[in-house]
């Protein structure tokens, strides 16, 4: 029974360490990021390096964007998919 406080302290330390380590993954899942699986893999494999952890955190915090496949239309000049909303705005301006 003497080891109970040490065991509890060790458990809390491990839990806190894992929470800090997987912060980028938790942020990605909390924001429902569309690349949350890839962010998890990056965090799992390279999170032990400061660069990998920061890269995963920055990626998790990035705005995934608002353009979807439905918003895209072919460019009238080069047929490259572009944001259709921008094309409409340009037609209104010009």
C-alpha atoms as a PDB file:
ATOM      1  CA  UNK A   1       0.000   0.000   0.000  1.00  0.00           C
ATOM      2  CA  UNK A   2       3.035   2.277   0.289  1.00  0.00           C
ATOM      3  CA  UNK A   3       3.388   2.374  -3.487  1.00  0.00           C
ATOM      4  CA  UNK A   4      -0.130   3.691  -4.138  1.00  0.00           C
ATOM      5  CA  UNK A   5       0.834   7.417  -4.249  1.00  0.00           C
ATOM      6  CA  UNK A   6       3.839   6.681  -6.457  1.00  0.00           C
ATOM      7  CA  UNK A   7       1.739   4.506  -8.737  1.00  0.00           C
ATOM      8  CA  UNK A   8      -0.910   7.214  -9.025  1.00  0.00           C
ATOM      9  CA  UNK A   9       1.735   9.899  -9.658  1.00  0.00           C
ATOM     10  CA  UNK A  10       3.339   7.725 -12.337  1.00  0.00           C
ATOM     11  CA  UNK A  11      -0.006   7.076 -13.989  1.00  0.00           C
ATOM     12  CA  UNK A  12      -0.841  10.797 -13.994  1.00  0.00           C
ATOM     13  CA  UNK A  13       2.597  11.658 -15.389  1.00  0.00           C
ATOM     14  CA  UNK A  14       2.239   9.151 -18.222  1.00  0.00           C
ATOM     15  CA  UNK A  15      -1.299  10.347 -18.995  1.00  0.00           C
ATOM     16  CA  UNK A  16      -0.223  13.996 -19.051  1.00  0.00           C
ATOM     17  CA  UNK A  17       2.813  13.181 -21.191  1.00  0.00           C
ATOM     18  CA  UNK A  18       0.669  11.334 -23.738  1.00  0.00           C
ATOM     19  CA  UNK A  19      -1.843  14.205 -23.812  1.00  0.00           C
ATOM     20  CA  UNK A  20       0.944  16.715 -24.523  1.00  0.00           C
ATOM     21  CA  UNK A  21       2.565  14.413 -27.092  1.00  0.00           C
ATOM     22  CA  UNK A  22      -0.709  13.893 -28.978  1.00  0.00           C
ATOM     23  CA  UNK A  23      -1.894  17.510 -28.743  1.00  0.00           C
ATOM     24  CA  UNK A  24      -1.694  17.966 -32.549  1.00  0.00           C
ATOM     25  CA  UNK A  25      -3.848  14.861 -33.038  1.00  0.00           C
ATOM     26  CA  UNK A  26      -6.344  16.023 -30.423  1.00  0.00           C
ATOM     27  CA  UNK A  27      -6.540  19.444 -32.082  1.00  0.00           C
ATOM     28  CA  UNK A  28      -7.080  17.851 -35.516  1.00  0.00           C
ATOM     29  CA  UNK A  29      -9.859  15.586 -34.245  1.00  0.00           C
ATOM     30  CA  UNK A  30     -11.410  18.450 -32.259  1.00  0.00           C
ATOM     31  CA  UNK A  31     -11.508  20.649 -35.365  1.00  0.00           C
ATOM     32  CA  UNK A  32     -12.722  17.719 -37.510  1.00  0.00           C
ATOM     33  CA  UNK A  33      -9.799  18.304 -39.868  1.00  0.00           C
ATOM     34  CA  UNK A  34     -10.147  16.347 -43.113  1.00  0.00           C
ATOM     35  CA  UNK A  35      -6.518  15.133 -42.827  1.00  0.00           C
ATOM     36  CA  UNK A  36      -6.759  14.063 -39.185  1.00  0.00           C
ATOM     37  CA  UNK A  37      -5.611  10.513 -39.990  1.00  0.00           C
ATOM     38  CA  UNK A  38      -2.453  11.754 -41.707  1.00  0.00           C
ATOM     39  CA  UNK A  39      -1.838  14.207 -38.871  1.00  0.00           C
ATOM     40  CA  UNK A  40      -2.124  11.320 -36.410  1.00  0.00           C
ATOM     41  CA  UNK A  41       0.416   9.250 -38.361  1.00  0.00           C
ATOM     42  CA  UNK A  42       2.833  12.188 -38.585  1.00  0.00           C
ATOM     43  CA  UNK A  43       2.400  12.843 -34.875  1.00  0.00           C
ATOM     44  CA  UNK A  44       2.868   9.178 -34.001  1.00  0.00           C
ATOM     45  CA  UNK A  45       5.962   8.597 -36.120  1.00  0.00           C
ATOM     46  CA  UNK A  46       7.743  11.965 -36.015  1.00  0.00           C
ATOM     47  CA  UNK A  47       6.210  13.631 -32.981  1.00  0.00           C
ATOM     48  CA  UNK A  48       9.212  12.665 -30.872  1.00  0.00           C
ATOM     49  CA  UNK A  49      11.232  15.190 -32.848  1.00  0.00           C
ATOM     50  CA  UNK A  50      10.442  18.807 -32.178  1.00  0.00           C
ATOM     51  CA  UNK A  51      10.154  19.459 -35.916  1.00  0.00           C
ATOM     52  CA  UNK A  52       7.617  16.653 -36.446  1.00  0.00           C
ATOM     53  CA  UNK A  53       5.538  17.715 -33.452  1.00  0.00           C
ATOM     54  CA  UNK A  54       5.460  21.388 -34.511  1.00  0.00           C
ATOM     55  CA  UNK A  55       4.694  20.426 -38.129  1.00  0.00           C
ATOM     56  CA  UNK A  56       1.776  18.258 -37.007  1.00  0.00           C
ATOM     57  CA  UNK A  57       0.476  21.033 -34.744  1.00  0.00           C
ATOM     58  CA  UNK A  58       0.698  23.669 -37.475  1.00  0.00           C
ATOM     59  CA  UNK A  59      -1.023  21.326 -39.934  1.00  0.00           C
ATOM     60  CA  UNK A  60      -3.764  20.583 -37.415  1.00  0.00           C
ATOM     61  CA  UNK A  61      -4.339  24.302 -36.826  1.00  0.00           C
ATOM     62  CA  UNK A  62      -4.468  25.239 -40.503  1.00  0.00           C
ATOM     63  CA  UNK A  63      -7.813  26.081 -42.022  1.00  0.00           C
ATOM     64  CA  UNK A  64      -8.551  23.273 -44.485  1.00  0.00           C
ATOM     65  CA  UNK A  65     -10.116  25.748 -46.908  1.00  0.00           C
ATOM     66  CA  UNK A  66     -13.594  26.222 -48.187  1.00  0.00           C
ATOM     67  CA  UNK A  67     -13.270  25.151 -51.817  1.00  0.00           C
ATOM     68  CA  UNK A  68     -14.672  21.719 -52.549  1.00  0.00           C
ATOM     69  CA  UNK A  69     -14.881  19.713 -55.734  1.00  0.00           C
ATOM     70  CA  UNK A  70     -18.391  21.106 -56.281  1.00  0.00           C
ATOM     71  CA  UNK A  71     -17.039  24.674 -56.172  1.00  0.00           C
ATOM     72  CA  UNK A  72     -14.552  24.038 -58.952  1.00  0.00           C
ATOM     73  CA  UNK A  73     -15.032  24.731 -62.632  1.00  0.00           C
ATOM     74  CA  UNK A  74     -12.586  24.445 -65.545  1.00  0.00           C
ATOM     75  CA  UNK A  75     -10.668  27.582 -66.434  1.00  0.00           C
ATOM     76  CA  UNK A  76     -11.889  28.904 -69.794  1.00  0.00           C
ATOM     77  CA  UNK A  77      -8.292  29.370 -70.961  1.00  0.00           C
ATOM     78  CA  UNK A  78      -6.322  26.377 -69.691  1.00  0.00           C
ATOM     79  CA  UNK A  79      -9.025  23.948 -68.412  1.00  0.00           C
ATOM     80  CA  UNK A  80      -7.347  23.830 -64.975  1.00  0.00           C
ATOM     81  CA  UNK A  81      -9.892  23.429 -62.141  1.00  0.00           C
ATOM     82  CA  UNK A  82     -10.414  26.782 -60.488  1.00  0.00           C
ATOM     83  CA  UNK A  83     -12.750  28.095 -57.828  1.00  0.00           C
ATOM     84  CA  UNK A  84     -16.027  28.781 -59.651  1.00  0.00           C
ATOM     85  CA  UNK A  85     -16.993  31.498 -57.179  1.00  0.00           C
ATOM     86  CA  UNK A  86     -13.921  33.534 -58.118  1.00  0.00           C
ATOM     87  CA  UNK A  87     -14.799  33.127 -61.780  1.00  0.00           C
ATOM     88  CA  UNK A  88     -18.324  34.501 -61.137  1.00  0.00           C
ATOM     89  CA  UNK A  89     -16.907  37.409 -59.121  1.00  0.00           C
ATOM     90  CA  UNK A  90     -14.554  38.290 -61.981  1.00  0.00           C
ATOM     91  CA  UNK A  91     -17.449  38.256 -64.438  1.00  0.00           C
ATOM     92  CA  UNK A  92     -19.367  40.652 -62.207  1.00  0.00           C
ATOM     93  CA  UNK A  93     -16.382  42.996 -61.924  1.00  0.00           C
ATOM     94  CA  UNK A  94     -15.410  42.965 -65.580  1.00  0.00           C
END
